[in-house]
PDB file of N, CA and C in Angstrom:
ATOM      1  N   MET A   1     -54.658  -7.079 -18.731  1.00  0.00           N
ATOM      2  CA  MET A   1     -54.067  -6.588 -19.964  1.00  0.00           C
ATOM      3  C   MET A   1     -54.445  -7.535 -21.108  1.00  0.00           C
ATOM      4  N   ALA A   2     -54.845  -6.976 -22.222  1.00  0.00           N
ATOM      5  CA  ALA A   2     -55.248  -7.779 -23.375  1.00  0.00           C
ATOM      6  C   ALA A   2     -54.044  -8.426 -24.048  1.00  0.00           C
ATOM      7  N   LYS A   3     -54.212  -9.655 -24.466  1.00  0.00           N
ATOM      8  CA  LYS A   3     -53.157 -10.362 -25.180  1.00  0.00           C
ATOM      9  C   LYS A   3     -53.056  -9.833 -26.603  1.00  0.00           C
ATOM     10  N   GLY A   4     -51.939 -10.136 -27.234  1.00  0.00           N
ATOM     11  CA  GLY A   4     -51.737  -9.776 -28.628  1.00  0.00           C
ATOM     12  C   GLY A   4     -51.534 -11.029 -29.446  1.00  0.00           C
ATOM     13  N   TYR A   5     -51.948 -10.989 -30.701  1.00  0.00           N
ATOM     14  CA  TYR A   5     -51.862 -12.155 -31.576  1.00  0.00           C
ATOM     15  C   TYR A   5     -51.291 -11.777 -32.930  1.00  0.00           C
ATOM     16  N   TRP A   6     -50.446 -12.643 -33.440  1.00  0.00           N
ATOM     17  CA  TRP A   6     -50.046 -12.581 -34.841  1.00  0.00           C
ATOM     18  C   TRP A   6     -50.962 -13.551 -35.560  1.00  0.00           C
ATOM     19  N   VAL A   7     -51.586 -13.103 -36.628  1.00  0.00           N
ATOM     20  CA  VAL A   7     -52.434 -13.962 -37.440  1.00  0.00           C
ATOM     21  C   VAL A   7     -51.909 -13.893 -38.872  1.00  0.00           C
ATOM     22  N   SER A   8     -51.500 -15.029 -39.404  1.00  0.00           N
ATOM     23  CA  SER A   8     -50.991 -15.092 -40.771  1.00  0.00           C
ATOM     24  C   SER A   8     -51.812 -16.090 -41.568  1.00  0.00           C
ATOM     25  N   VAL A   9     -52.256 -15.662 -42.735  1.00  0.00           N
ATOM     26  CA  VAL A   9     -52.958 -16.547 -43.661  1.00  0.00           C
ATOM     27  C   VAL A   9     -52.168 -16.527 -44.958  1.00  0.00           C
ATOM     28  N   TYR A  10     -51.893 -17.703 -45.450  1.00  0.00           N
ATOM     29  CA  TYR A  10     -51.094 -17.864 -46.655  1.00  0.00           C
ATOM     30  C   TYR A  10     -52.024 -18.260 -47.797  1.00  0.00           C
ATOM     31  N   PRO A  11     -52.385 -17.335 -48.704  1.00  0.00           N
ATOM     32  CA  PRO A  11     -53.331 -17.654 -49.778  1.00  0.00           C
ATOM     33  C   PRO A  11     -52.880 -18.826 -50.651  1.00  0.00           C
ATOM     34  N   THR A  12     -51.616 -18.883 -50.961  1.00  0.00           N
ATOM     35  CA  THR A  12     -51.061 -20.013 -51.701  1.00  0.00           C
ATOM     36  C   THR A  12     -49.631 -20.230 -51.241  1.00  0.00           C
ATOM     37  N   ILE A  13     -49.227 -21.471 -51.262  1.00  0.00           N
ATOM     38  CA  ILE A  13     -47.836 -21.798 -50.974  1.00  0.00           C
ATOM     39  C   ILE A  13     -47.360 -22.685 -52.120  1.00  0.00           C
ATOM     40  N   SER A  14     -46.609 -22.093 -53.029  1.00  0.00           N
ATOM     41  CA  SER A  14     -46.158 -22.849 -54.191  1.00  0.00           C
ATOM     42  C   SER A  14     -44.866 -23.610 -53.907  1.00  0.00           C
ATOM     43  N   ASP A  15     -44.100 -23.160 -52.916  1.00  0.00           N
ATOM     44  CA  ASP A  15     -42.828 -23.796 -52.599  1.00  0.00           C
ATOM     45  C   ASP A  15     -42.628 -23.803 -51.090  1.00  0.00           C
ATOM     46  N   ALA A  16     -43.182 -24.806 -50.419  1.00  0.00           N
ATOM     47  CA  ALA A  16     -43.073 -24.888 -48.959  1.00  0.00           C
ATOM     48  C   ALA A  16     -41.624 -24.980 -48.505  1.00  0.00           C
ATOM     49  N   GLU A  17     -40.767 -25.631 -49.290  1.00  0.00           N
ATOM     50  CA  GLU A  17     -39.348 -25.741 -48.948  1.00  0.00           C
ATOM     51  C   GLU A  17     -38.674 -24.365 -48.917  1.00  0.00           C
ATOM     52  N   GLY A  18     -39.191 -23.445 -49.726  1.00  0.00           N
ATOM     53  CA  GLY A  18     -38.629 -22.096 -49.766  1.00  0.00           C
ATOM     54  C   GLY A  18     -38.828 -21.330 -48.478  1.00  0.00           C
ATOM     55  N   LEU A  19     -39.706 -21.810 -47.612  1.00  0.00           N
ATOM     56  CA  LEU A  19     -39.980 -21.144 -46.332  1.00  0.00           C
ATOM     57  C   LEU A  19     -39.092 -21.640 -45.197  1.00  0.00           C
ATOM     58  N   THR A  20     -38.234 -22.598 -45.444  1.00  0.00           N
ATOM     59  CA  THR A  20     -37.440 -23.216 -44.381  1.00  0.00           C
ATOM     60  C   THR A  20     -36.624 -22.194 -43.596  1.00  0.00           C
ATOM     61  N   ASP A  21     -35.870 -21.349 -44.288  1.00  0.00           N
ATOM     62  CA  ASP A  21     -35.044 -20.354 -43.591  1.00  0.00           C
ATOM     63  C   ASP A  21     -35.902 -19.378 -42.801  1.00  0.00           C
ATOM     64  N   TYR A  22     -36.985 -18.908 -43.437  1.00  0.00           N
ATOM     65  CA  TYR A  22     -37.887 -17.990 -42.736  1.00  0.00           C
ATOM     66  C   TYR A  22     -38.452 -18.651 -41.479  1.00  0.00           C
ATOM     67  N   ASN A  23     -38.938 -19.871 -41.594  1.00  0.00           N
ATOM     68  CA  ASN A  23     -39.546 -20.566 -40.450  1.00  0.00           C
ATOM     69  C   ASN A  23     -38.575 -20.700 -39.285  1.00  0.00           C
ATOM     70  N   GLU A  24     -37.335 -21.022 -39.580  1.00  0.00           N
ATOM     71  CA  GLU A  24     -36.331 -21.158 -38.508  1.00  0.00           C
ATOM     72  C   GLU A  24     -36.074 -19.816 -37.826  1.00  0.00           C
ATOM     73  N   LEU A  25     -35.855 -18.775 -38.623  1.00  0.00           N
ATOM     74  CA  LEU A  25     -35.568 -17.454 -38.057  1.00  0.00           C
ATOM     75  C   LEU A  25     -36.791 -16.877 -37.337  1.00  0.00           C
ATOM     76  N   ALA A  26     -37.969 -17.050 -37.916  1.00  0.00           N
ATOM     77  CA  ALA A  26     -39.183 -16.547 -37.286  1.00  0.00           C
ATOM     78  C   ALA A  26     -39.447 -17.260 -35.963  1.00  0.00           C
ATOM     79  N   GLY A  27     -39.205 -18.560 -35.923  1.00  0.00           N
ATOM     80  CA  GLY A  27     -39.392 -19.315 -34.680  1.00  0.00           C
ATOM     81  C   GLY A  27     -38.498 -18.795 -33.571  1.00  0.00           C
ATOM     82  N   LEU A  28     -37.253 -18.493 -33.902  1.00  0.00           N
ATOM     83  CA  LEU A  28     -36.333 -17.916 -32.912  1.00  0.00           C
ATOM     84  C   LEU A  28     -36.849 -16.564 -32.417  1.00  0.00           C
ATOM     85  N   ALA A  29     -37.327 -15.737 -33.335  1.00  0.00           N
ATOM     86  CA  ALA A  29     -37.816 -14.408 -32.965  1.00  0.00           C
ATOM     87  C   ALA A  29     -39.070 -14.503 -32.104  1.00  0.00           C
ATOM     88  N   VAL A  30     -39.960 -15.417 -32.430  1.00  0.00           N
ATOM     89  CA  VAL A  30     -41.190 -15.588 -31.650  1.00  0.00           C
ATOM     90  C   VAL A  30     -40.849 -16.040 -30.235  1.00  0.00           C
ATOM     91  N   ARG A  31     -39.971 -17.021 -30.120  1.00  0.00           N
ATOM     92  CA  ARG A  31     -39.586 -17.498 -28.784  1.00  0.00           C
ATOM     93  C   ARG A  31     -38.886 -16.403 -27.986  1.00  0.00           C
ATOM     94  N   ALA A  32     -38.029 -15.624 -28.637  1.00  0.00           N
ATOM     95  CA  ALA A  32     -37.329 -14.528 -27.946  1.00  0.00           C
ATOM     96  C   ALA A  32     -38.321 -13.475 -27.463  1.00  0.00           C
ATOM     97  N   GLY A  33     -39.428 -13.317 -28.178  1.00  0.00           N
ATOM     98  CA  GLY A  33     -40.455 -12.360 -27.788  1.00  0.00           C
ATOM     99  C   GLY A  33     -41.527 -12.953 -26.888  1.00  0.00           C
ATOM    100  N   SER A  34     -41.288 -14.165 -26.384  1.00  0.00           N
ATOM    101  CA  SER A  34     -42.217 -14.877 -25.492  1.00  0.00           C
ATOM    102  C   SER A  34     -43.546 -15.218 -26.158  1.00  0.00           C
ATOM    103  N   GLY A  35     -43.518 -15.419 -27.464  1.00  0.00           N
ATOM    104  CA  GLY A  35     -44.725 -15.827 -28.175  1.00  0.00           C
ATOM    105  C   GLY A  35     -44.943 -17.321 -28.098  1.00  0.00           C
ATOM    106  N   ARG A  36     -46.203 -17.728 -28.234  1.00  0.00           N
ATOM    107  CA  ARG A  36     -46.578 -19.133 -28.208  1.00  0.00           C
ATOM    108  C   ARG A  36     -47.373 -19.456 -29.470  1.00  0.00           C
ATOM    109  N   VAL A  37     -46.920 -20.435 -30.204  1.00  0.00           N
ATOM    110  CA  VAL A  37     -47.616 -20.842 -31.421  1.00  0.00           C
ATOM    111  C   VAL A  37     -48.852 -21.651 -31.023  1.00  0.00           C
ATOM    112  N   LEU A  38     -50.022 -21.173 -31.416  1.00  0.00           N
ATOM    113  CA  LEU A  38     -51.274 -21.849 -31.098  1.00  0.00           C
ATOM    114  C   LEU A  38     -51.781 -22.677 -32.267  1.00  0.00           C
ATOM    115  N   SER A  39     -51.434 -22.287 -33.481  1.00  0.00           N
ATOM    116  CA  SER A  39     -51.882 -23.004 -34.666  1.00  0.00           C
ATOM    117  C   SER A  39     -50.850 -22.840 -35.768  1.00  0.00           C
ATOM    118  N   ASN A  40     -50.529 -23.968 -36.425  1.00  0.00           N
ATOM    119  CA  ASN A  40     -49.544 -23.950 -37.498  1.00  0.00           C
ATOM    120  C   ASN A  40     -49.641 -25.280 -38.237  1.00  0.00           C
ATOM    121  N   PHE A  41     -49.899 -25.257 -39.512  1.00  0.00           N
ATOM    122  CA  PHE A  41     -49.981 -26.462 -40.346  1.00  0.00           C
ATOM    123  C   PHE A  41     -51.163 -27.362 -39.997  1.00  0.00           C
ATOM    124  N   GLY A  42     -52.111 -26.885 -39.207  1.00  0.00           N
ATOM    125  CA  GLY A  42     -53.256 -27.713 -38.847  1.00  0.00           C
ATOM    126  C   GLY A  42     -54.334 -27.695 -39.917  1.00  0.00           C
ATOM    127  N   ARG A  43     -55.372 -28.439 -39.661  1.00  0.00           N
ATOM    128  CA  ARG A  43     -56.499 -28.495 -40.591  1.00  0.00           C
ATOM    129  C   ARG A  43     -57.243 -27.163 -40.597  1.00  0.00           C
ATOM    130  N   VAL A  44     -57.770 -26.812 -41.759  1.00  0.00           N
ATOM    131  CA  VAL A  44     -58.519 -25.567 -41.937  1.00  0.00           C
ATOM    132  C   VAL A  44     -59.805 -25.875 -42.700  1.00  0.00           C
ATOM    133  N   ILE A  45     -60.901 -25.388 -42.202  1.00  0.00           N
ATOM    134  CA  ILE A  45     -62.155 -25.411 -42.945  1.00  0.00           C
ATOM    135  C   ILE A  45     -62.513 -23.958 -43.205  1.00  0.00           C
ATOM    136  N   ALA A  46     -62.595 -23.599 -44.474  1.00  0.00           N
ATOM    137  CA  ALA A  46     -62.872 -22.214 -44.843  1.00  0.00           C
ATOM    138  C   ALA A  46     -64.347 -22.020 -45.167  1.00  0.00           C
ATOM    139  N   HIS A  47     -64.882 -20.901 -44.743  1.00  0.00           N
ATOM    140  CA  HIS A  47     -66.258 -20.529 -45.051  1.00  0.00           C
ATOM    141  C   HIS A  47     -66.241 -19.161 -45.728  1.00  0.00           C
ATOM    142  N   GLU A  48     -67.294 -18.881 -46.459  1.00  0.00           N
ATOM    143  CA  GLU A  48     -67.486 -17.609 -47.135  1.00  0.00           C
ATOM    144  C   GLU A  48     -66.290 -17.297 -48.029  1.00  0.00           C
ATOM    145  N   ALA A  49     -65.546 -16.241 -47.779  1.00  0.00           N
ATOM    146  CA  ALA A  49     -64.415 -15.884 -48.648  1.00  0.00           C
ATOM    147  C   ALA A  49     -63.106 -16.483 -48.134  1.00  0.00           C
ATOM    148  N   GLY A  50     -63.184 -17.430 -47.215  1.00  0.00           N
ATOM    149  CA  GLY A  50     -61.994 -18.014 -46.606  1.00  0.00           C
ATOM    150  C   GLY A  50     -61.168 -18.846 -47.567  1.00  0.00           C
ATOM    151  N   ILE A  51     -59.933 -19.062 -47.189  1.00  0.00           N
ATOM    152  CA  ILE A  51     -58.969 -19.830 -47.975  1.00  0.00           C
ATOM    153  C   ILE A  51     -58.489 -20.988 -47.107  1.00  0.00           C
ATOM    154  N   THR A  52     -58.389 -22.178 -47.679  1.00  0.00           N
ATOM    155  CA  THR A  52     -58.036 -23.350 -46.881  1.00  0.00           C
ATOM    156  C   THR A  52     -56.534 -23.604 -46.802  1.00  0.00           C
ATOM    157  N   GLU A  53     -55.722 -22.644 -47.158  1.00  0.00           N
ATOM    158  CA  GLU A  53     -54.283 -22.809 -47.002  1.00  0.00           C
ATOM    159  C   GLU A  53     -53.890 -22.589 -45.542  1.00  0.00           C
ATOM    160  N   ARG A  54     -52.618 -22.628 -45.308  1.00  0.00           N
ATOM    161  CA  ARG A  54     -52.027 -22.535 -43.970  1.00  0.00           C
ATOM    162  C   ARG A  54     -52.466 -21.270 -43.221  1.00  0.00           C
ATOM    163  N   VAL A  55     -52.796 -21.454 -41.941  1.00  0.00           N
ATOM    164  CA  VAL A  55     -53.107 -20.350 -41.031  1.00  0.00           C
ATOM    165  C   VAL A  55     -52.210 -20.523 -39.810  1.00  0.00           C
ATOM    166  N   VAL A  56     -51.542 -19.439 -39.417  1.00  0.00           N
ATOM    167  CA  VAL A  56     -50.669 -19.466 -38.243  1.00  0.00           C
ATOM    168  C   VAL A  56     -51.215 -18.470 -37.226  1.00  0.00           C
ATOM    169  N   LEU A  57     -51.337 -18.912 -35.980  1.00  0.00           N
ATOM    170  CA  LEU A  57     -51.812 -18.066 -34.898  1.00  0.00           C
ATOM    171  C   LEU A  57     -50.788 -18.133 -33.764  1.00  0.00           C
ATOM    172  N   ILE A  58     -50.271 -16.973 -33.383  1.00  0.00           N
ATOM    173  CA  ILE A  58     -49.262 -16.893 -32.325  1.00  0.00           C
ATOM    174  C   ILE A  58     -49.757 -15.916 -31.265  1.00  0.00           C
ATOM    175  N   GLU A  59     -49.677 -16.332 -30.001  1.00  0.00           N
ATOM    176  CA  GLU A  59     -50.165 -15.532 -28.882  1.00  0.00           C
ATOM    177  C   GLU A  59     -49.001 -14.913 -28.107  1.00  0.00           C
ATOM    178  N   PHE A  60     -49.188 -13.658 -27.721  1.00  0.00           N
ATOM    179  CA  PHE A  60     -48.244 -12.951 -26.857  1.00  0.00           C
ATOM    180  C   PHE A  60     -49.007 -12.463 -25.631  1.00  0.00           C
ATOM    181  N   ASP A  61     -48.303 -12.200 -24.550  1.00  0.00           N
ATOM    182  CA  ASP A  61     -48.965 -11.780 -23.314  1.00  0.00           C
ATOM    183  C   ASP A  61     -49.630 -10.421 -23.422  1.00  0.00           C
ATOM    184  N   SER A  62     -49.210  -9.600 -24.395  1.00  0.00           N
ATOM    185  CA  SER A  62     -49.838  -8.294 -24.592  1.00  0.00           C
ATOM    186  C   SER A  62     -49.723  -7.882 -26.058  1.00  0.00           C
ATOM    187  N   PHE A  63     -50.566  -6.945 -26.445  1.00  0.00           N
ATOM    188  CA  PHE A  63     -50.513  -6.402 -27.797  1.00  0.00           C
ATOM    189  C   PHE A  63     -49.158  -5.737 -28.041  1.00  0.00           C
ATOM    190  N   ASP A  64     -48.695  -4.951 -27.067  1.00  0.00           N
ATOM    191  CA  ASP A  64     -47.403  -4.272 -27.210  1.00  0.00           C
ATOM    192  C   ASP A  64     -46.264  -5.268 -27.393  1.00  0.00           C
ATOM    193  N   GLN A  65     -46.329  -6.388 -26.700  1.00  0.00           N
ATOM    194  CA  GLN A  65     -45.305  -7.424 -26.835  1.00  0.00           C
ATOM    195  C   GLN A  65     -45.338  -8.021 -28.248  1.00  0.00           C
ATOM    196  N   ALA A  66     -46.536  -8.195 -28.809  1.00  0.00           N
ATOM    197  CA  ALA A  66     -46.664  -8.717 -30.170  1.00  0.00           C
ATOM    198  C   ALA A  66     -46.070  -7.749 -31.184  1.00  0.00           C
ATOM    199  N   VAL A  67     -46.331  -6.452 -30.998  1.00  0.00           N
ATOM    200  CA  VAL A  67     -45.776  -5.433 -31.892  1.00  0.00           C
ATOM    201  C   VAL A  67     -44.249  -5.388 -31.758  1.00  0.00           C
ATOM    202  N   ALA A  68     -43.753  -5.431 -30.529  1.00  0.00           N
ATOM    203  CA  ALA A  68     -42.301  -5.389 -30.303  1.00  0.00           C
ATOM    204  C   ALA A  68     -41.605  -6.590 -30.932  1.00  0.00           C
ATOM    205  N   ALA A  69     -42.229  -7.753 -30.856  1.00  0.00           N
ATOM    206  CA  ALA A  69     -41.634  -8.946 -31.458  1.00  0.00           C
ATOM    207  C   ALA A  69     -41.548  -8.796 -32.974  1.00  0.00           C
ATOM    208  N   TYR A  70     -42.595  -8.232 -33.584  1.00  0.00           N
ATOM    209  CA  TYR A  70     -42.575  -8.015 -35.033  1.00  0.00           C
ATOM    210  C   TYR A  70     -41.480  -7.025 -35.420  1.00  0.00           C
ATOM    211  N   GLU A  71     -41.337  -5.979 -34.631  1.00  0.00           N
ATOM    212  CA  GLU A  71     -40.360  -4.929 -34.935  1.00  0.00           C
ATOM    213  C   GLU A  71     -38.938  -5.294 -34.521  1.00  0.00           C
ATOM    214  N   SER A  72     -38.770  -6.417 -33.840  1.00  0.00           N
ATOM    215  CA  SER A  72     -37.445  -6.810 -33.340  1.00  0.00           C
ATOM    216  C   SER A  72     -36.472  -7.068 -34.484  1.00  0.00           C
ATOM    217  N   GLU A  73     -35.216  -6.906 -34.180  1.00  0.00           N
ATOM    218  CA  GLU A  73     -34.162  -7.178 -35.157  1.00  0.00           C
ATOM    219  C   GLU A  73     -34.219  -8.644 -35.610  1.00  0.00           C
ATOM    220  N   ALA A  74     -34.508  -9.525 -34.679  1.00  0.00           N
ATOM    221  CA  ALA A  74     -34.563 -10.959 -35.007  1.00  0.00           C
ATOM    222  C   ALA A  74     -35.663 -11.245 -36.027  1.00  0.00           C
ATOM    223  N   TYR A  75     -36.841 -10.653 -35.853  1.00  0.00           N
ATOM    224  CA  TYR A  75     -37.916 -10.933 -36.801  1.00  0.00           C
ATOM    225  C   TYR A  75     -37.687 -10.224 -38.136  1.00  0.00           C
ATOM    226  N   GLN A  76     -37.066  -9.071 -38.101  1.00  0.00           N
ATOM    227  CA  GLN A  76     -36.753  -8.384 -39.352  1.00  0.00           C
ATOM    228  C   GLN A  76     -35.786  -9.211 -40.197  1.00  0.00           C
ATOM    229  N   ARG A  77     -34.878  -9.946 -39.546  1.00  0.00           N
ATOM    230  CA  ARG A  77     -33.997 -10.872 -40.282  1.00  0.00           C
ATOM    231  C   ARG A  77     -34.821 -11.992 -40.919  1.00  0.00           C
ATOM    232  N   ALA A  78     -35.830 -12.459 -40.209  1.00  0.00           N
ATOM    233  CA  ALA A  78     -36.689 -13.512 -40.752  1.00  0.00           C
ATOM    234  C   ALA A  78     -37.432 -13.009 -41.990  1.00  0.00           C
ATOM    235  N   LEU A  79     -37.932 -11.790 -41.950  1.00  0.00           N
ATOM    236  CA  LEU A  79     -38.664 -11.245 -43.091  1.00  0.00           C
ATOM    237  C   LEU A  79     -37.808 -11.192 -44.350  1.00  0.00           C
ATOM    238  N   VAL A  80     -36.532 -10.907 -44.184  1.00  0.00           N
ATOM    239  CA  VAL A  80     -35.617 -10.869 -45.332  1.00  0.00           C
ATOM    240  C   VAL A  80     -35.508 -12.250 -45.969  1.00  0.00           C
ATOM    241  N   ALA A  81     -35.719 -13.295 -45.188  1.00  0.00           N
ATOM    242  CA  ALA A  81     -35.600 -14.670 -45.684  1.00  0.00           C
ATOM    243  C   ALA A  81     -36.844 -15.163 -46.420  1.00  0.00           C
ATOM    244  N   LEU A  82     -37.928 -14.373 -46.426  1.00  0.00           N
ATOM    245  CA  LEU A  82     -39.104 -14.787 -47.199  1.00  0.00           C
ATOM    246  C   LEU A  82     -38.740 -14.826 -48.677  1.00  0.00           C
ATOM    247  N   PRO A  83     -39.134 -15.873 -49.388  1.00  0.00           N
ATOM    248  CA  PRO A  83     -38.773 -15.973 -50.803  1.00  0.00           C
ATOM    249  C   PRO A  83     -39.492 -14.924 -51.653  1.00  0.00           C
ATOM    250  N   ASP A  84     -38.885 -14.574 -52.781  1.00  0.00           N
ATOM    251  CA  ASP A  84     -39.499 -13.641 -53.731  1.00  0.00           C
ATOM    252  C   ASP A  84     -40.835 -14.187 -54.210  1.00  0.00           C
ATOM    253  N   GLY A  85     -41.774 -13.282 -54.425  1.00  0.00           N
ATOM    254  CA  GLY A  85     -43.072 -13.679 -54.937  1.00  0.00           C
ATOM    255  C   GLY A  85     -43.976 -14.328 -53.913  1.00  0.00           C
ATOM    256  N   PHE A  86     -43.554 -14.372 -52.688  1.00  0.00           N
ATOM    257  CA  PHE A  86     -44.317 -15.004 -51.628  1.00  0.00           C
ATOM    258  C   PHE A  86     -45.426 -14.065 -51.162  1.00  0.00           C
ATOM    259  N   GLU A  87     -46.595 -14.600 -50.843  1.00  0.00           N
ATOM    260  CA  GLU A  87     -47.731 -13.788 -50.445  1.00  0.00           C
ATOM    261  C   GLU A  87     -48.359 -14.330 -49.167  1.00  0.00           C
ATOM    262  N   ARG A  88     -48.688 -13.411 -48.264  1.00  0.00           N
ATOM    263  CA  ARG A  88     -49.432 -13.792 -47.065  1.00  0.00           C
ATOM    264  C   ARG A  88     -50.190 -12.583 -46.551  1.00  0.00           C
ATOM    265  N   ASP A  89     -51.196 -12.839 -45.753  1.00  0.00           N
ATOM    266  CA  ASP A  89     -51.973 -11.791 -45.093  1.00  0.00           C
ATOM    267  C   ASP A  89     -51.568 -11.871 -43.612  1.00  0.00           C
ATOM    268  N   PHE A  90     -50.843 -10.875 -43.130  1.00  0.00           N
ATOM    269  CA  PHE A  90     -50.302 -10.879 -41.765  1.00  0.00           C
ATOM    270  C   PHE A  90     -50.912  -9.724 -40.996  1.00  0.00           C
ATOM    271  N   ARG A  91     -51.399 -10.016 -39.804  1.00  0.00           N
ATOM    272  CA  ARG A  91     -51.976  -8.975 -38.943  1.00  0.00           C
ATOM    273  C   ARG A  91     -51.545  -9.178 -37.502  1.00  0.00           C
ATOM    274  N   ILE A  92     -51.480  -8.075 -36.777  1.00  0.00           N
ATOM    275  CA  ILE A  92     -51.302  -8.114 -35.331  1.00  0.00           C
ATOM    276  C   ILE A  92     -52.612  -7.594 -34.750  1.00  0.00           C
ATOM    277  N   VAL A  93     -53.249  -8.410 -33.920  1.00  0.00           N
ATOM    278  CA  VAL A  93     -54.547  -8.029 -33.376  1.00  0.00           C
ATOM    279  C   VAL A  93     -54.510  -8.076 -31.847  1.00  0.00           C
ATOM    280  N   GLU A  94     -55.332  -7.217 -31.257  1.00  0.00           N
ATOM    281  CA  GLU A  94     -55.451  -7.172 -29.803  1.00  0.00           C
ATOM    282  C   GLU A  94     -56.593  -8.064 -29.361  1.00  0.00           C
ATOM    283  N   GLY A  95     -56.320  -8.881 -28.356  1.00  0.00           N
ATOM    284  CA  GLY A  95     -57.349  -9.745 -27.808  1.00  0.00           C
ATOM    285  C   GLY A  95     -58.259  -8.989 -26.845  1.00  0.00           C
ATOM    286  N   ILE A  96     -59.187  -9.719 -26.288  1.00  0.00           N
ATOM    287  CA  ILE A  96     -60.124  -9.156 -25.313  1.00  0.00           C
ATOM    288  C   ILE A  96     -59.643  -9.557 -23.932  1.00  0.00           C
ATOM    289  N   ASP A  97     -59.678  -8.607 -23.001  1.00  0.00           N
ATOM    290  CA  ASP A  97     -59.244  -8.923 -21.622  1.00  0.00           C
ATOM    291  C   ASP A  97     -59.975 -10.102 -21.070  1.00  0.00           C
TER     292      ASP A  97
END
């Protein structure tokens, strides 16, 4: 079965402190959905149209599990905690078996 991944790229972060509540709630939701954080706050080298801001990569045992975690009540509470004016590129992608 192919794994599922959450991939988030943050084009700009003007107020990192404003993400504190979201980060706490999202972490709880990811753990409840059996997700594993593979990358967060690490170094980034961008090429072509890439952006060198924060990239988060979270792995789930399946694509369906990744979708269910996003749709969970716990993660929906985290989304409400995102600050106004905040921007990110978030995707759920299916891995290769």
